[in-house]
Amino acid sequence: MPELSALGEAVQNSAFGLWAAQSSLAYPVANVLHLLGLVMLVGGIGVLDLRLAGFFWAIPVAPLSRALTPVALAGLALMLPTGAVMFAADAEALVMSGTFRWKLVLIALALANALAFRFRWQRRLENWEMEPPPLGRLMAATSILLWLGVAALGRWIAYS
């Protein structure tokens, strides 16, 4: 995969990559903020997904979604630039890492699942209390598993 290797080298040797790798604060601050974003994303969407999957029946779905979806989206928005900093600092190794590539695949699947869920079920959340659709519950459970997989692979990168 010479193309990937060249891409990683170009990113890592760019001004941004050099700054990310050589700054005494860039990488550690990005790492902490990336973790905060992960907590916001998985915490927000995880609780909502658990409710959608069938837990916490006493909590109405629609207000919970209105409260937690912005938290999850803010977490995702925080993870994008911080992930870019961490990637740029070590791009040559990361582009060749199977663990990193699997993490990207799971992110894509999790985002596709989230978009599909929103398009399919968003207008029906008010009725979720009466008749939670089995496919919607499955998609919520899948979301939890995918985001936890992303988190696990992200941590696993350091050990692979």
C-alpha atoms as a PDB file:
ATOM      1  CA  MET A   1       0.000   0.000   0.000  1.00  0.00           C
ATOM      2  CA  PRO A   2       2.485   2.601  -1.121  1.00  0.00           C
ATOM      3  CA  GLU A   3      -0.272   5.188  -1.662  1.00  0.00           C
ATOM      4  CA  LEU A   4      -1.335   5.001   1.976  1.00  0.00           C
ATOM      5  CA  SER A   5       2.255   5.141   3.135  1.00  0.00           C
ATOM      6  CA  ALA A   6       2.883   8.227   0.988  1.00  0.00           C
ATOM      7  CA  LEU A   7      -0.291   9.860   2.302  1.00  0.00           C
ATOM      8  CA  GLY A   8       0.747   9.208   5.894  1.00  0.00           C
ATOM      9  CA  GLU A   9       4.209  10.558   5.261  1.00  0.00           C
ATOM     10  CA  ALA A  10       2.824  13.694   3.596  1.00  0.00           C
ATOM     11  CA  VAL A  11       0.421  14.395   6.462  1.00  0.00           C
ATOM     12  CA  GLN A  12       2.996  13.736   9.153  1.00  0.00           C
ATOM     13  CA  ASN A  13       5.592  15.945   7.429  1.00  0.00           C
ATOM     14  CA  SER A  14       3.145  18.781   6.755  1.00  0.00           C
ATOM     15  CA  ALA A  15       3.302  21.932   8.876  1.00  0.00           C
ATOM     16  CA  PHE A  16       0.228  20.702  10.772  1.00  0.00           C
ATOM     17  CA  GLY A  17       1.733  17.247  11.345  1.00  0.00           C
ATOM     18  CA  LEU A  18       5.050  18.682  12.523  1.00  0.00           C
ATOM     19  CA  TRP A  19       3.262  21.053  14.883  1.00  0.00           C
ATOM     20  CA  ALA A  20       1.121  18.199  16.252  1.00  0.00           C
ATOM     21  CA  ALA A  21       4.166  15.995  16.827  1.00  0.00           C
ATOM     22  CA  GLN A  22       6.603  18.612  18.108  1.00  0.00           C
ATOM     23  CA  SER A  23       4.418  20.780  20.304  1.00  0.00           C
ATOM     24  CA  SER A  24       4.659  19.873  23.959  1.00  0.00           C
ATOM     25  CA  LEU A  25       0.933  20.555  24.396  1.00  0.00           C
ATOM     26  CA  ALA A  26      -0.790  19.769  21.099  1.00  0.00           C
ATOM     27  CA  TYR A  27      -0.937  15.989  21.363  1.00  0.00           C
ATOM     28  CA  PRO A  28      -1.685  15.670  25.102  1.00  0.00           C
ATOM     29  CA  VAL A  29      -4.385  18.355  24.978  1.00  0.00           C
ATOM     30  CA  ALA A  30      -5.883  16.809  21.845  1.00  0.00           C
ATOM     31  CA  ASN A  31      -5.846  13.401  23.541  1.00  0.00           C
ATOM     32  CA  VAL A  32      -7.680  14.668  26.633  1.00  0.00           C
ATOM     33  CA  LEU A  33     -10.228  16.590  24.550  1.00  0.00           C
ATOM     34  CA  HIS A  34     -10.696  13.568  22.275  1.00  0.00           C
ATOM     35  CA  LEU A  35     -11.485  11.487  25.344  1.00  0.00           C
ATOM     36  CA  LEU A  36     -13.935  14.154  26.554  1.00  0.00           C
ATOM     37  CA  GLY A  37     -15.603  14.057  23.140  1.00  0.00           C
ATOM     38  CA  LEU A  38     -15.817  10.269  23.343  1.00  0.00           C
ATOM     39  CA  VAL A  39     -17.454  10.466  26.766  1.00  0.00           C
ATOM     40  CA  MET A  40     -19.965  13.015  25.445  1.00  0.00           C
ATOM     41  CA  LEU A  41     -20.682  10.963  22.320  1.00  0.00           C
ATOM     42  CA  VAL A  42     -20.943   7.522  23.880  1.00  0.00           C
ATOM     43  CA  GLY A  43     -22.510   8.881  27.082  1.00  0.00           C
ATOM     44  CA  GLY A  44     -25.178  10.828  25.237  1.00  0.00           C
ATOM     45  CA  ILE A  45     -25.966   8.454  22.425  1.00  0.00           C
ATOM     46  CA  GLY A  46     -25.373   5.406  24.626  1.00  0.00           C
ATOM     47  CA  VAL A  47     -28.054   6.349  27.166  1.00  0.00           C
ATOM     48  CA  LEU A  48     -30.460   7.252  24.375  1.00  0.00           C
ATOM     49  CA  ASP A  49     -29.703   4.011  22.534  1.00  0.00           C
ATOM     50  CA  LEU A  50     -30.248   2.005  25.709  1.00  0.00           C
ATOM     51  CA  ARG A  51     -33.650   3.657  26.095  1.00  0.00           C
ATOM     52  CA  LEU A  52     -34.502   3.005  22.452  1.00  0.00           C
ATOM     53  CA  ALA A  53     -33.360  -0.604  22.794  1.00  0.00           C
ATOM     54  CA  GLY A  54     -35.805  -1.161  25.645  1.00  0.00           C
ATOM     55  CA  PHE A  55     -34.239  -0.005  28.915  1.00  0.00           C
ATOM     56  CA  PHE A  56     -35.338   2.843  31.209  1.00  0.00           C
ATOM     57  CA  TRP A  57     -39.018   2.615  30.196  1.00  0.00           C
ATOM     58  CA  ALA A  58     -40.012   5.360  32.651  1.00  0.00           C
ATOM     59  CA  ILE A  59     -38.129   7.983  30.618  1.00  0.00           C
ATOM     60  CA  PRO A  60     -40.016   9.299  27.570  1.00  0.00           C
ATOM     61  CA  VAL A  61     -37.987   8.843  24.373  1.00  0.00           C
ATOM     62  CA  ALA A  62     -38.651  12.142  22.583  1.00  0.00           C
ATOM     63  CA  PRO A  63     -37.497  14.508  25.378  1.00  0.00           C
ATOM     64  CA  LEU A  64     -34.520  12.265  26.108  1.00  0.00           C
ATOM     65  CA  SER A  65     -33.542  12.413  22.445  1.00  0.00           C
ATOM     66  CA  ARG A  66     -33.891  16.206  22.399  1.00  0.00           C
ATOM     67  CA  ALA A  67     -31.679  16.467  25.494  1.00  0.00           C
ATOM     68  CA  LEU A  68     -28.942  13.958  24.643  1.00  0.00           C
ATOM     69  CA  THR A  69     -28.581  14.161  20.863  1.00  0.00           C
ATOM     70  CA  PRO A  70     -26.959  17.633  21.024  1.00  0.00           C
ATOM     71  CA  VAL A  71     -24.514  16.349  23.669  1.00  0.00           C
ATOM     72  CA  ALA A  72     -23.573  13.416  21.448  1.00  0.00           C
ATOM     73  CA  LEU A  73     -23.204  15.652  18.400  1.00  0.00           C
ATOM     74  CA  ALA A  74     -21.033  18.097  20.349  1.00  0.00           C
ATOM     75  CA  GLY A  75     -18.862  15.164  21.412  1.00  0.00           C
ATOM     76  CA  LEU A  76     -18.524  14.028  17.804  1.00  0.00           C
ATOM     77  CA  ALA A  77     -17.704  17.591  16.736  1.00  0.00           C
ATOM     78  CA  LEU A  78     -14.994  17.741  19.403  1.00  0.00           C
ATOM     79  CA  MET A  79     -13.533  14.408  18.347  1.00  0.00           C
ATOM     80  CA  LEU A  80     -13.042  15.400  14.705  1.00  0.00           C
ATOM     81  CA  PRO A  81     -10.412  18.145  15.137  1.00  0.00           C
ATOM     82  CA  THR A  82      -8.726  16.442  18.090  1.00  0.00           C
ATOM     83  CA  GLY A  83      -8.563  13.180  16.155  1.00  0.00           C
ATOM     84  CA  ALA A  84      -7.008  15.084  13.259  1.00  0.00           C
ATOM     85  CA  VAL A  85      -4.272  16.429  15.553  1.00  0.00           C
ATOM     86  CA  MET A  86      -3.487  12.983  16.924  1.00  0.00           C
ATOM     87  CA  PHE A  87      -3.572  11.443  13.450  1.00  0.00           C
ATOM     88  CA  ALA A  88      -1.275  14.096  11.970  1.00  0.00           C
ATOM     89  CA  ALA A  89       1.295  13.550  14.715  1.00  0.00           C
ATOM     90  CA  ASP A  90       1.646   9.847  13.851  1.00  0.00           C
ATOM     91  CA  ALA A  91       0.093   9.506  10.404  1.00  0.00           C
ATOM     92  CA  GLU A  92       2.802   7.286   8.895  1.00  0.00           C
ATOM     93  CA  ALA A  93       2.207   4.545  11.438  1.00  0.00           C
ATOM     94  CA  LEU A  94      -1.562   4.999  11.658  1.00  0.00           C
ATOM     95  CA  VAL A  95      -2.273   4.627   7.943  1.00  0.00           C
ATOM     96  CA  MET A  96      -0.575   1.221   8.083  1.00  0.00           C
ATOM     97  CA  SER A  97      -2.340   0.134  11.280  1.00  0.00           C
ATOM     98  CA  GLY A  98      -5.085  -2.428  10.782  1.00  0.00           C
ATOM     99  CA  THR A  99      -6.549  -1.416  14.124  1.00  0.00           C
ATOM    100  CA  PHE A 100      -6.813   2.204  12.990  1.00  0.00           C
ATOM    101  CA  ARG A 101      -8.376   1.217   9.682  1.00  0.00           C
ATOM    102  CA  TRP A 102     -10.950  -0.965  11.460  1.00  0.00           C
ATOM    103  CA  LYS A 103     -11.713   1.981  13.728  1.00  0.00           C
ATOM    104  CA  LEU A 104     -12.451   4.101  10.644  1.00  0.00           C
ATOM    105  CA  VAL A 105     -14.698   1.355   9.239  1.00  0.00           C
ATOM    106  CA  LEU A 106     -16.669   1.168  12.491  1.00  0.00           C
ATOM    107  CA  ILE A 107     -16.992   4.972  12.585  1.00  0.00           C
ATOM    108  CA  ALA A 108     -18.418   4.915   9.067  1.00  0.00           C
ATOM    109  CA  LEU A 109     -20.842   2.117   9.985  1.00  0.00           C
ATOM    110  CA  ALA A 110     -21.899   3.877  13.209  1.00  0.00           C
ATOM    111  CA  LEU A 111     -22.527   7.149  11.371  1.00  0.00           C
ATOM    112  CA  ALA A 112     -24.449   5.357   8.598  1.00  0.00           C
ATOM    113  CA  ASN A 113     -26.540   3.561  11.232  1.00  0.00           C
ATOM    114  CA  ALA A 114     -27.239   6.861  13.012  1.00  0.00           C
ATOM    115  CA  LEU A 115     -28.313   8.577   9.791  1.00  0.00           C
ATOM    116  CA  ALA A 116     -30.479   5.642   8.767  1.00  0.00           C
ATOM    117  CA  PHE A 117     -32.077   5.621  12.215  1.00  0.00           C
ATOM    118  CA  ARG A 118     -32.806   9.356  12.045  1.00  0.00           C
ATOM    119  CA  PHE A 119     -34.340   9.117   8.580  1.00  0.00           C
ATOM    120  CA  ARG A 120     -36.411   6.046   9.465  1.00  0.00           C
ATOM    121  CA  TRP A 121     -37.527   6.675  13.050  1.00  0.00           C
ATOM    122  CA  GLN A 122     -37.102  10.349  14.014  1.00  0.00           C
ATOM    123  CA  ARG A 123     -40.712  11.271  13.295  1.00  0.00           C
ATOM    124  CA  ARG A 124     -41.973   8.224  15.179  1.00  0.00           C
ATOM    125  CA  LEU A 125     -40.157   8.806  18.473  1.00  0.00           C
ATOM    126  CA  GLU A 126     -43.317  10.226  20.053  1.00  0.00           C
ATOM    127  CA  ASN A 127     -44.987   6.822  19.514  1.00  0.00           C
ATOM    128  CA  TRP A 128     -41.999   4.812  20.736  1.00  0.00           C
ATOM    129  CA  GLU A 129     -43.575   4.382  24.189  1.00  0.00           C
ATOM    130  CA  MET A 130     -46.547   2.518  22.738  1.00  0.00           C
ATOM    131  CA  GLU A 131     -44.966   0.355  20.040  1.00  0.00           C
ATOM    132  CA  PRO A 132     -41.187   0.319  19.874  1.00  0.00           C
ATOM    133  CA  PRO A 133     -40.387  -1.171  16.459  1.00  0.00           C
ATOM    134  CA  PRO A 134     -38.120  -4.228  16.597  1.00  0.00           C
ATOM    135  CA  LEU A 135     -35.919  -2.927  13.766  1.00  0.00           C
ATOM    136  CA  GLY A 136     -35.519   0.418  15.551  1.00  0.00           C
ATOM    137  CA  ARG A 137     -34.563  -1.346  18.768  1.00  0.00           C
ATOM    138  CA  LEU A 138     -32.031  -3.457  16.841  1.00  0.00           C
ATOM    139  CA  MET A 139     -30.551  -0.340  15.233  1.00  0.00           C
ATOM    140  CA  ALA A 140     -30.203   1.286  18.674  1.00  0.00           C
ATOM    141  CA  ALA A 141     -28.468  -1.794  20.082  1.00  0.00           C
ATOM    142  CA  THR A 142     -26.207  -1.892  17.020  1.00  0.00           C
ATOM    143  CA  SER A 143     -25.327   1.753  17.596  1.00  0.00           C
ATOM    144  CA  ILE A 144     -24.180   1.022  21.140  1.00  0.00           C
ATOM    145  CA  LEU A 145     -22.022  -1.872  19.973  1.00  0.00           C
ATOM    146  CA  LEU A 146     -20.509   0.090  17.092  1.00  0.00           C
ATOM    147  CA  TRP A 147     -19.573   3.138  19.194  1.00  0.00           C
ATOM    148  CA  LEU A 148     -18.140   0.941  21.949  1.00  0.00           C
ATOM    149  CA  GLY A 149     -16.149  -0.859  19.253  1.00  0.00           C
ATOM    150  CA  VAL A 150     -14.841   2.481  17.984  1.00  0.00           C
ATOM    151  CA  ALA A 151     -13.817   3.418  21.524  1.00  0.00           C
ATOM    152  CA  ALA A 152     -12.146   0.060  22.142  1.00  0.00           C
ATOM    153  CA  LEU A 153     -10.217   0.167  18.865  1.00  0.00           C
ATOM    154  CA  GLY A 154      -9.164   3.743  19.559  1.00  0.00           C
ATOM    155  CA  ARG A 155      -7.633   2.670  22.857  1.00  0.00           C
ATOM    156  CA  TRP A 156      -6.228  -0.514  21.259  1.00  0.00           C
ATOM    157  CA  ILE A 157      -4.206   1.484  18.721  1.00  0.00           C
ATOM    158  CA  ALA A 158      -1.579   2.228  21.364  1.00  0.00           C
ATOM    159  CA  TYR A 159      -1.074  -1.499  21.931  1.00  0.00           C
ATOM    160  CA  SER A 160      -0.982  -2.709  18.339  1.00  0.00           C
END
